[in-house]
Amino acid sequence: MRAIIIGAGRGSRLMPTTADTPKCFAEVQGKRILDWTVDAFQQNGIDDIAFIGGYRIESVQENYSQFTFRHNDNWENNNILASLFYAEDLMDEPFICCYSDILFTPELVSGMMDNTDDDIALSVDTDWLKRYTHRTQHPSDDAEKVTVANGVVTRVHRGIAEGDAHGEYTGVARFSIDGAQQLREHYHRRREEFAGQPFREAKVFEKAYFIHLLQDQIEAGQRMVHVDSPGGYIEIDTQEDFEYARNNWS
């Protein structure tokens, strides 16, 4: 199993913390976010880790020489979905991908690893609302929420109402070999159709988020299951989130 970490963006909402370093270098409880990520993967036997960098990629290269690197040299003009596909050549085996600005536990990863019967699985925090009680800079209507039915994800979208959401997509997803192939094929079909044009909520396809493609796959009939984690996850998008993490993560 390979891990692919998507970490090309600057994280401007976390300024001034990201003025000179990548967002994933922000320290929580004496460790960088990226260190927590590596630890969660390695505790589950995942040592093959790829990092998609852009802003200050050289800092990551200097400190994590064990990674396989892919360089999103157009990070200022694209978004998470396009960034992920800079590592398309590494999707030739089962893989777990994640955002670089999140904290998650080894137990969350092990839950994903235990699910081997499905081609695509999304990690979902079912205790998500607790973190939004005092989260004014990143309100719940900006959360990547999911709805589910009979174990299957039916929708992943920011526009889902709080009361309708089963939980929040954590940014961690697992793909089998077949799941990776289905993801790649769908991406290229949509890129050929929408390159330089609006795609779902994105102004242009190149600016699309990963969840835009996931939802598009769901609507096209792709089965995705959810692996629930009641907590064990914190997103760090703003300085407010950063303070919350430093006070609540362990």
C-alpha atoms as a PDB file:
ATOM      1  CA  MET A   1       0.000   0.000   0.000  1.00  0.00           C
ATOM      2  CA  ARG A   2       1.296   3.430  -0.958  1.00  0.00           C
ATOM      3  CA  ALA A   3       0.412   6.772   0.602  1.00  0.00           C
ATOM      4  CA  ILE A   4       0.134   9.956  -1.454  1.00  0.00           C
ATOM      5  CA  ILE A   5       0.096  13.265   0.418  1.00  0.00           C
ATOM      6  CA  ILE A   6      -1.277  16.290  -1.452  1.00  0.00           C
ATOM      7  CA  GLY A   7       0.619  19.342  -0.221  1.00  0.00           C
ATOM      8  CA  ALA A   8       1.312  21.799  -3.032  1.00  0.00           C
ATOM      9  CA  GLY A   9      -0.688  24.829  -1.897  1.00  0.00           C
ATOM     10  CA  ARG A  10       0.575  27.673   0.256  1.00  0.00           C
ATOM     11  CA  GLY A  11      -2.226  27.742   2.798  1.00  0.00           C
ATOM     12  CA  SER A  12      -2.712  31.497   2.746  1.00  0.00           C
ATOM     13  CA  ARG A  13      -5.453  31.299   5.391  1.00  0.00           C
ATOM     14  CA  LEU A  14      -2.817  30.095   7.840  1.00  0.00           C
ATOM     15  CA  MET A  15      -0.645  33.162   7.468  1.00  0.00           C
ATOM     16  CA  PRO A  16       1.701  34.212   9.023  1.00  0.00           C
ATOM     17  CA  THR A  17       2.523  30.602   9.932  1.00  0.00           C
ATOM     18  CA  THR A  18       3.016  29.770   6.239  1.00  0.00           C
ATOM     19  CA  ALA A  19       4.985  32.903   5.352  1.00  0.00           C
ATOM     20  CA  ASP A  20       8.231  30.968   4.907  1.00  0.00           C
ATOM     21  CA  THR A  21       7.357  27.287   5.329  1.00  0.00           C
ATOM     22  CA  PRO A  22       4.833  24.815   3.903  1.00  0.00           C
ATOM     23  CA  LYS A  23       1.540  24.504   5.739  1.00  0.00           C
ATOM     24  CA  CYS A  24       2.324  20.933   6.767  1.00  0.00           C
ATOM     25  CA  PHE A  25       5.344  22.197   8.768  1.00  0.00           C
ATOM     26  CA  ALA A  26       3.086  23.898  11.341  1.00  0.00           C
ATOM     27  CA  GLU A  27       3.821  22.294  14.711  1.00  0.00           C
ATOM     28  CA  VAL A  28       1.235  20.730  16.994  1.00  0.00           C
ATOM     29  CA  GLN A  29       2.353  19.243  20.310  1.00  0.00           C
ATOM     30  CA  GLY A  30       5.995  19.531  19.286  1.00  0.00           C
ATOM     31  CA  LYS A  31       5.613  17.747  15.938  1.00  0.00           C
ATOM     32  CA  ARG A  32       4.925  18.998  12.446  1.00  0.00           C
ATOM     33  CA  ILE A  33       1.567  18.119  10.926  1.00  0.00           C
ATOM     34  CA  LEU A  34       3.538  16.099   8.393  1.00  0.00           C
ATOM     35  CA  ASP A  35       5.257  14.125  11.163  1.00  0.00           C
ATOM     36  CA  TRP A  36       1.886  13.138  12.598  1.00  0.00           C
ATOM     37  CA  THR A  37       0.833  12.001   9.111  1.00  0.00           C
ATOM     38  CA  VAL A  38       3.958   9.919   8.575  1.00  0.00           C
ATOM     39  CA  ASP A  39       3.547   8.341  12.003  1.00  0.00           C
ATOM     40  CA  ALA A  40      -0.090   7.404  11.325  1.00  0.00           C
ATOM     41  CA  PHE A  41       0.920   5.671   8.100  1.00  0.00           C
ATOM     42  CA  GLN A  42       4.038   3.952   9.429  1.00  0.00           C
ATOM     43  CA  GLN A  43       2.169   2.529  12.415  1.00  0.00           C
ATOM     44  CA  ASN A  44       0.054   0.734   9.807  1.00  0.00           C
ATOM     45  CA  GLY A  45       3.033  -0.583   7.855  1.00  0.00           C
ATOM     46  CA  ILE A  46       2.910   2.063   5.121  1.00  0.00           C
ATOM     47  CA  ASP A  47       6.459   3.233   4.451  1.00  0.00           C
ATOM     48  CA  ASP A  48       6.105   3.998   0.741  1.00  0.00           C
ATOM     49  CA  ILE A  49       5.092   7.646   0.967  1.00  0.00           C
ATOM     50  CA  ALA A  50       4.845  10.112  -1.915  1.00  0.00           C
ATOM     51  CA  PHE A  51       4.523  13.851  -1.465  1.00  0.00           C
ATOM     52  CA  ILE A  52       3.095  16.215  -4.067  1.00  0.00           C
ATOM     53  CA  GLY A  53       4.689  19.570  -3.362  1.00  0.00           C
ATOM     54  CA  GLY A  54       4.595  23.047  -4.811  1.00  0.00           C
ATOM     55  CA  TYR A  55       5.063  25.974  -2.440  1.00  0.00           C
ATOM     56  CA  ARG A  56       8.448  25.576  -0.704  1.00  0.00           C
ATOM     57  CA  ILE A  57       8.792  21.984  -1.912  1.00  0.00           C
ATOM     58  CA  GLU A  58      12.533  22.246  -1.355  1.00  0.00           C
ATOM     59  CA  SER A  59      11.940  22.463   2.408  1.00  0.00           C
ATOM     60  CA  VAL A  60      10.089  19.155   2.366  1.00  0.00           C
ATOM     61  CA  GLN A  61      12.737  17.558   0.149  1.00  0.00           C
ATOM     62  CA  GLU A  62      15.483  18.634   2.540  1.00  0.00           C
ATOM     63  CA  ASN A  63      13.710  17.238   5.602  1.00  0.00           C
ATOM     64  CA  TYR A  64      12.031  14.104   4.221  1.00  0.00           C
ATOM     65  CA  SER A  65      14.479  12.525   1.814  1.00  0.00           C
ATOM     66  CA  GLN A  66      12.706   9.168   2.241  1.00  0.00           C
ATOM     67  CA  PHE A  67       9.666  10.445   0.299  1.00  0.00           C
ATOM     68  CA  THR A  68       9.021  10.014  -3.388  1.00  0.00           C
ATOM     69  CA  PHE A  69       8.356  13.515  -4.715  1.00  0.00           C
ATOM     70  CA  ARG A  70       6.192  14.905  -7.461  1.00  0.00           C
ATOM     71  CA  HIS A  71       6.364  18.633  -8.198  1.00  0.00           C
ATOM     72  CA  ASN A  72       3.218  20.596  -8.977  1.00  0.00           C
ATOM     73  CA  ASP A  73       5.034  23.506 -10.600  1.00  0.00           C
ATOM     74  CA  ASN A  74       1.743  25.221 -11.451  1.00  0.00           C
ATOM     75  CA  TRP A  75       0.327  25.154  -7.921  1.00  0.00           C
ATOM     76  CA  GLU A  76      -0.626  28.836  -7.958  1.00  0.00           C
ATOM     77  CA  ASN A  77      -3.012  28.232 -10.882  1.00  0.00           C
ATOM     78  CA  ASN A  78      -4.582  24.864 -10.052  1.00  0.00           C
ATOM     79  CA  ASN A  79      -6.138  23.089  -7.077  1.00  0.00           C
ATOM     80  CA  ILE A  80      -6.230  19.824  -5.137  1.00  0.00           C
ATOM     81  CA  LEU A  81      -7.624  17.622  -7.912  1.00  0.00           C
ATOM     82  CA  ALA A  82      -5.086  18.668 -10.524  1.00  0.00           C
ATOM     83  CA  SER A  83      -2.372  18.468  -7.874  1.00  0.00           C
ATOM     84  CA  LEU A  84      -3.200  14.847  -7.040  1.00  0.00           C
ATOM     85  CA  PHE A  85      -2.761  13.840 -10.658  1.00  0.00           C
ATOM     86  CA  TYR A  86       0.850  14.971 -10.706  1.00  0.00           C
ATOM     87  CA  ALA A  87       1.310  11.593  -8.992  1.00  0.00           C
ATOM     88  CA  GLU A  88      -0.812   9.628 -11.444  1.00  0.00           C
ATOM     89  CA  ASP A  89       2.143   7.433 -12.329  1.00  0.00           C
ATOM     90  CA  LEU A  90       2.168   6.256  -8.700  1.00  0.00           C
ATOM     91  CA  MET A  91      -1.441   5.041  -8.845  1.00  0.00           C
ATOM     92  CA  ASP A  92      -0.402   1.660 -10.243  1.00  0.00           C
ATOM     93  CA  GLU A  93      -1.010  -0.088  -6.920  1.00  0.00           C
ATOM     94  CA  PRO A  94      -3.462   0.301  -4.033  1.00  0.00           C
ATOM     95  CA  PHE A  95      -3.005   3.676  -2.372  1.00  0.00           C
ATOM     96  CA  ILE A  96      -4.289   5.976   0.335  1.00  0.00           C
ATOM     97  CA  CYS A  97      -4.277   9.706  -0.382  1.00  0.00           C
ATOM     98  CA  CYS A  98      -4.725  12.543   2.054  1.00  0.00           C
ATOM     99  CA  TYR A  99      -4.537  16.298   2.351  1.00  0.00           C
ATOM    100  CA  SER A 100      -1.388  17.653   3.988  1.00  0.00           C
ATOM    101  CA  ASP A 101      -3.132  20.059   6.388  1.00  0.00           C
ATOM    102  CA  ILE A 102      -4.940  17.494   8.519  1.00  0.00           C
ATOM    103  CA  LEU A 103      -4.212  15.563  11.681  1.00  0.00           C
ATOM    104  CA  PHE A 104      -5.477  12.001  11.896  1.00  0.00           C
ATOM    105  CA  THR A 105      -4.788   9.016  14.108  1.00  0.00           C
ATOM    106  CA  PRO A 106      -3.223   5.641  13.252  1.00  0.00           C
ATOM    107  CA  GLU A 107      -6.590   4.122  14.187  1.00  0.00           C
ATOM    108  CA  LEU A 108      -8.275   6.091  11.403  1.00  0.00           C
ATOM    109  CA  VAL A 109      -5.781   4.623   8.932  1.00  0.00           C
ATOM    110  CA  SER A 110      -6.176   1.092  10.279  1.00  0.00           C
ATOM    111  CA  GLY A 111      -9.923   1.368   9.757  1.00  0.00           C
ATOM    112  CA  MET A 112      -9.288   2.220   6.139  1.00  0.00           C
ATOM    113  CA  MET A 113      -6.812  -0.646   5.784  1.00  0.00           C
ATOM    114  CA  ASP A 114      -9.294  -3.130   7.245  1.00  0.00           C
ATOM    115  CA  ASN A 115     -11.752  -2.345   4.445  1.00  0.00           C
ATOM    116  CA  THR A 116     -10.465  -4.491   1.575  1.00  0.00           C
ATOM    117  CA  ASP A 117     -13.732  -5.493  -0.104  1.00  0.00           C
ATOM    118  CA  ASP A 118     -14.457  -2.166  -1.806  1.00  0.00           C
ATOM    119  CA  ASP A 119     -12.584  -0.321  -4.534  1.00  0.00           C
ATOM    120  CA  ILE A 120     -13.039   3.184  -3.120  1.00  0.00           C
ATOM    121  CA  ALA A 121     -13.477   4.099   0.539  1.00  0.00           C
ATOM    122  CA  LEU A 122     -13.769   7.547   2.096  1.00  0.00           C
ATOM    123  CA  SER A 123     -12.902   8.281   5.711  1.00  0.00           C
ATOM    124  CA  VAL A 124     -15.703  10.128   7.503  1.00  0.00           C
ATOM    125  CA  ASP A 125     -15.602  11.858  10.883  1.00  0.00           C
ATOM    126  CA  THR A 126     -19.004  11.267  12.456  1.00  0.00           C
ATOM    127  CA  ASP A 127     -18.167  13.463  15.474  1.00  0.00           C
ATOM    128  CA  TRP A 128     -17.389  16.407  13.232  1.00  0.00           C
ATOM    129  CA  LEU A 129     -19.754  19.062  14.581  1.00  0.00           C
ATOM    130  CA  LYS A 130     -17.958  19.295  17.900  1.00  0.00           C
ATOM    131  CA  ARG A 131     -15.051  21.071  16.190  1.00  0.00           C
ATOM    132  CA  TYR A 132     -17.334  23.676  14.657  1.00  0.00           C
ATOM    133  CA  THR A 133     -18.835  25.021  17.886  1.00  0.00           C
ATOM    134  CA  HIS A 134     -16.446  27.990  17.998  1.00  0.00           C
ATOM    135  CA  ARG A 135     -15.050  27.775  14.465  1.00  0.00           C
ATOM    136  CA  THR A 136     -15.966  31.172  13.029  1.00  0.00           C
ATOM    137  CA  GLN A 137     -13.233  31.444  10.372  1.00  0.00           C
ATOM    138  CA  HIS A 138     -14.208  28.129   8.763  1.00  0.00           C
ATOM    139  CA  PRO A 139     -17.924  27.546   9.425  1.00  0.00           C
ATOM    140  CA  SER A 140     -19.680  24.225   8.928  1.00  0.00           C
ATOM    141  CA  ASP A 141     -21.108  25.269   5.567  1.00  0.00           C
ATOM    142  CA  ASP A 142     -17.517  25.082   4.279  1.00  0.00           C
ATOM    143  CA  ALA A 143     -17.057  21.492   5.490  1.00  0.00           C
ATOM    144  CA  GLU A 144     -16.783  18.660   2.949  1.00  0.00           C
ATOM    145  CA  LYS A 145     -19.809  16.780   4.262  1.00  0.00           C
ATOM    146  CA  VAL A 146     -21.239  13.431   3.211  1.00  0.00           C
ATOM    147  CA  THR A 147     -24.591  11.692   3.161  1.00  0.00           C
ATOM    148  CA  VAL A 148     -24.818   7.906   3.179  1.00  0.00           C
ATOM    149  CA  ALA A 149     -27.273   5.054   2.760  1.00  0.00           C
ATOM    150  CA  ASN A 150     -26.734   1.349   3.404  1.00  0.00           C
ATOM    151  CA  GLY A 151     -23.006   1.778   3.860  1.00  0.00           C
ATOM    152  CA  VAL A 152     -22.533   3.699   0.624  1.00  0.00           C
ATOM    153  CA  VAL A 153     -21.706   7.382   0.166  1.00  0.00           C
ATOM    154  CA  THR A 154     -24.571   9.050  -1.688  1.00  0.00           C
ATOM    155  CA  ARG A 155     -23.196  12.583  -1.768  1.00  0.00           C
ATOM    156  CA  VAL A 156     -20.047  14.493  -0.860  1.00  0.00           C
ATOM    157  CA  HIS A 157     -20.573  18.229  -1.000  1.00  0.00           C
ATOM    158  CA  ARG A 158     -20.112  21.411   1.023  1.00  0.00           C
ATOM    159  CA  GLY A 159     -23.745  22.356   0.409  1.00  0.00           C
ATOM    160  CA  ILE A 160     -25.165  19.488   2.480  1.00  0.00           C
ATOM    161  CA  ALA A 161     -27.113  20.831   5.448  1.00  0.00           C
ATOM    162  CA  GLU A 162     -25.746  20.071   8.920  1.00  0.00           C
ATOM    163  CA  GLY A 163     -28.792  18.037   9.864  1.00  0.00           C
ATOM    164  CA  ASP A 164     -28.576  15.904   6.739  1.00  0.00           C
ATOM    165  CA  ALA A 165     -24.863  15.117   7.015  1.00  0.00           C
ATOM    166  CA  HIS A 166     -23.656  11.736   8.235  1.00  0.00           C
ATOM    167  CA  GLY A 167     -20.280  13.336   8.885  1.00  0.00           C
ATOM    168  CA  GLU A 168     -17.347  15.198   7.379  1.00  0.00           C
ATOM    169  CA  TYR A 169     -15.028  13.724   4.769  1.00  0.00           C
ATOM    170  CA  THR A 170     -11.609  13.835   6.401  1.00  0.00           C
ATOM    171  CA  GLY A 171      -9.582  14.116   3.205  1.00  0.00           C
ATOM    172  CA  VAL A 172      -8.347  10.524   3.549  1.00  0.00           C
ATOM    173  CA  ALA A 173      -9.400   8.102   0.816  1.00  0.00           C
ATOM    174  CA  ARG A 174      -8.348   4.561  -0.111  1.00  0.00           C
ATOM    175  CA  PHE A 175      -8.280   3.081  -3.619  1.00  0.00           C
ATOM    176  CA  SER A 176      -7.756  -0.487  -4.737  1.00  0.00           C
ATOM    177  CA  ILE A 177      -5.997  -1.113  -8.050  1.00  0.00           C
ATOM    178  CA  ASP A 178      -9.389  -1.163  -9.780  1.00  0.00           C
ATOM    179  CA  GLY A 179     -10.527   1.889  -7.820  1.00  0.00           C
ATOM    180  CA  ALA A 180      -7.429   3.798  -8.880  1.00  0.00           C
ATOM    181  CA  GLN A 181      -8.054   2.862 -12.499  1.00  0.00           C
ATOM    182  CA  GLN A 182     -11.664   4.024 -12.264  1.00  0.00           C
ATOM    183  CA  LEU A 183     -10.523   7.313 -10.706  1.00  0.00           C
ATOM    184  CA  ARG A 184      -7.951   7.889 -13.449  1.00  0.00           C
ATOM    185  CA  GLU A 185     -10.333   7.070 -16.273  1.00  0.00           C
ATOM    186  CA  HIS A 186     -13.031   9.368 -14.917  1.00  0.00           C
ATOM    187  CA  TYR A 187     -10.553  12.196 -14.393  1.00  0.00           C
ATOM    188  CA  HIS A 188      -9.300  12.033 -17.970  1.00  0.00           C
ATOM    189  CA  ARG A 189     -12.804  11.859 -19.404  1.00  0.00           C
ATOM    190  CA  ARG A 190     -13.806  14.984 -17.515  1.00  0.00           C
ATOM    191  CA  ARG A 191     -10.555  16.809 -18.216  1.00  0.00           C
ATOM    192  CA  GLU A 192     -10.947  16.207 -21.932  1.00  0.00           C
ATOM    193  CA  GLU A 193     -14.515  17.497 -21.761  1.00  0.00           C
ATOM    194  CA  PHE A 194     -14.053  20.444 -19.377  1.00  0.00           C
ATOM    195  CA  ALA A 195     -10.428  21.638 -19.648  1.00  0.00           C
ATOM    196  CA  GLY A 196     -10.435  25.438 -19.347  1.00  0.00           C
ATOM    197  CA  GLN A 197     -14.193  25.434 -18.702  1.00  0.00           C
ATOM    198  CA  PRO A 198     -16.398  25.454 -15.579  1.00  0.00           C
ATOM    199  CA  PHE A 199     -16.674  22.071 -13.874  1.00  0.00           C
ATOM    200  CA  ARG A 200     -19.333  21.681 -11.223  1.00  0.00           C
ATOM    201  CA  GLU A 201     -18.727  24.491  -8.669  1.00  0.00           C
ATOM    202  CA  ALA A 202     -15.225  25.262  -9.962  1.00  0.00           C
ATOM    203  CA  LYS A 203     -14.775  28.215 -12.327  1.00  0.00           C
ATOM    204  CA  VAL A 204     -12.528  26.045 -14.492  1.00  0.00           C
ATOM    205  CA  PHE A 205     -11.685  22.340 -14.353  1.00  0.00           C
ATOM    206  CA  GLU A 206      -8.126  23.084 -13.294  1.00  0.00           C
ATOM    207  CA  LYS A 207      -9.415  24.778 -10.118  1.00  0.00           C
ATOM    208  CA  ALA A 208     -11.636  21.863  -9.084  1.00  0.00           C
ATOM    209  CA  TYR A 209     -11.449  20.259  -5.677  1.00  0.00           C
ATOM    210  CA  PHE A 210     -11.016  16.515  -5.242  1.00  0.00           C
ATOM    211  CA  ILE A 211     -14.578  16.183  -3.912  1.00  0.00           C
ATOM    212  CA  HIS A 212     -15.895  17.608  -7.191  1.00  0.00           C
ATOM    213  CA  LEU A 213     -14.586  14.585  -9.053  1.00  0.00           C
ATOM    214  CA  LEU A 214     -15.691  12.168  -6.329  1.00  0.00           C
ATOM    215  CA  GLN A 215     -19.246  13.492  -6.483  1.00  0.00           C
ATOM    216  CA  ASP A 216     -19.155  13.359 -10.260  1.00  0.00           C
ATOM    217  CA  GLN A 217     -18.148   9.696 -10.050  1.00  0.00           C
ATOM    218  CA  ILE A 218     -20.952   8.964  -7.586  1.00  0.00           C
ATOM    219  CA  GLU A 219     -23.501  10.507  -9.955  1.00  0.00           C
ATOM    220  CA  ALA A 220     -22.053   8.378 -12.751  1.00  0.00           C
ATOM    221  CA  GLY A 221     -22.745   5.242 -10.692  1.00  0.00           C
ATOM    222  CA  GLN A 222     -19.419   4.701  -8.924  1.00  0.00           C
ATOM    223  CA  ARG A 223     -19.776   2.878  -5.607  1.00  0.00           C
ATOM    224  CA  MET A 224     -17.915   4.428  -2.676  1.00  0.00           C
ATOM    225  CA  VAL A 225     -18.159   3.210   0.891  1.00  0.00           C
ATOM    226  CA  HIS A 226     -17.564   5.190   4.074  1.00  0.00           C
ATOM    227  CA  VAL A 227     -15.277   4.191   6.913  1.00  0.00           C
ATOM    228  CA  ASP A 228     -16.418   6.046  10.011  1.00  0.00           C
ATOM    229  CA  SER A 229     -14.202   7.560  12.674  1.00  0.00           C
ATOM    230  CA  PRO A 230     -15.836   9.379  15.610  1.00  0.00           C
ATOM    231  CA  GLY A 231     -13.170  12.057  15.870  1.00  0.00           C
ATOM    232  CA  GLY A 232      -9.498  11.205  15.461  1.00  0.00           C
ATOM    233  CA  TYR A 233      -9.200  13.992  12.915  1.00  0.00           C
ATOM    234  CA  ILE A 234      -8.649  17.757  12.853  1.00  0.00           C
ATOM    235  CA  GLU A 235      -8.377  20.010   9.809  1.00  0.00           C
ATOM    236  CA  ILE A 236      -6.005  22.969  10.110  1.00  0.00           C
ATOM    237  CA  ASP A 237      -7.151  25.573   7.623  1.00  0.00           C
ATOM    238  CA  THR A 238      -6.952  28.815   9.629  1.00  0.00           C
ATOM    239  CA  GLN A 239      -5.101  30.263  12.600  1.00  0.00           C
ATOM    240  CA  GLU A 240      -8.215  29.520  14.648  1.00  0.00           C
ATOM    241  CA  ASP A 241      -7.974  25.849  13.651  1.00  0.00           C
ATOM    242  CA  PHE A 242      -4.271  25.899  14.483  1.00  0.00           C
ATOM    243  CA  GLU A 243      -4.974  27.077  18.017  1.00  0.00           C
ATOM    244  CA  TYR A 244      -7.733  24.490  18.419  1.00  0.00           C
ATOM    245  CA  ALA A 245      -5.384  21.719  17.317  1.00  0.00           C
ATOM    246  CA  ARG A 246      -2.614  22.815  19.642  1.00  0.00           C
ATOM    247  CA  ASN A 247      -5.068  22.803  22.552  1.00  0.00           C
ATOM    248  CA  ASN A 248      -6.953  19.605  21.739  1.00  0.00           C
ATOM    249  CA  TRP A 249      -4.747  17.189  19.795  1.00  0.00           C
ATOM    250  CA  SER A 250      -2.789  14.480  21.566  1.00  0.00           C
END
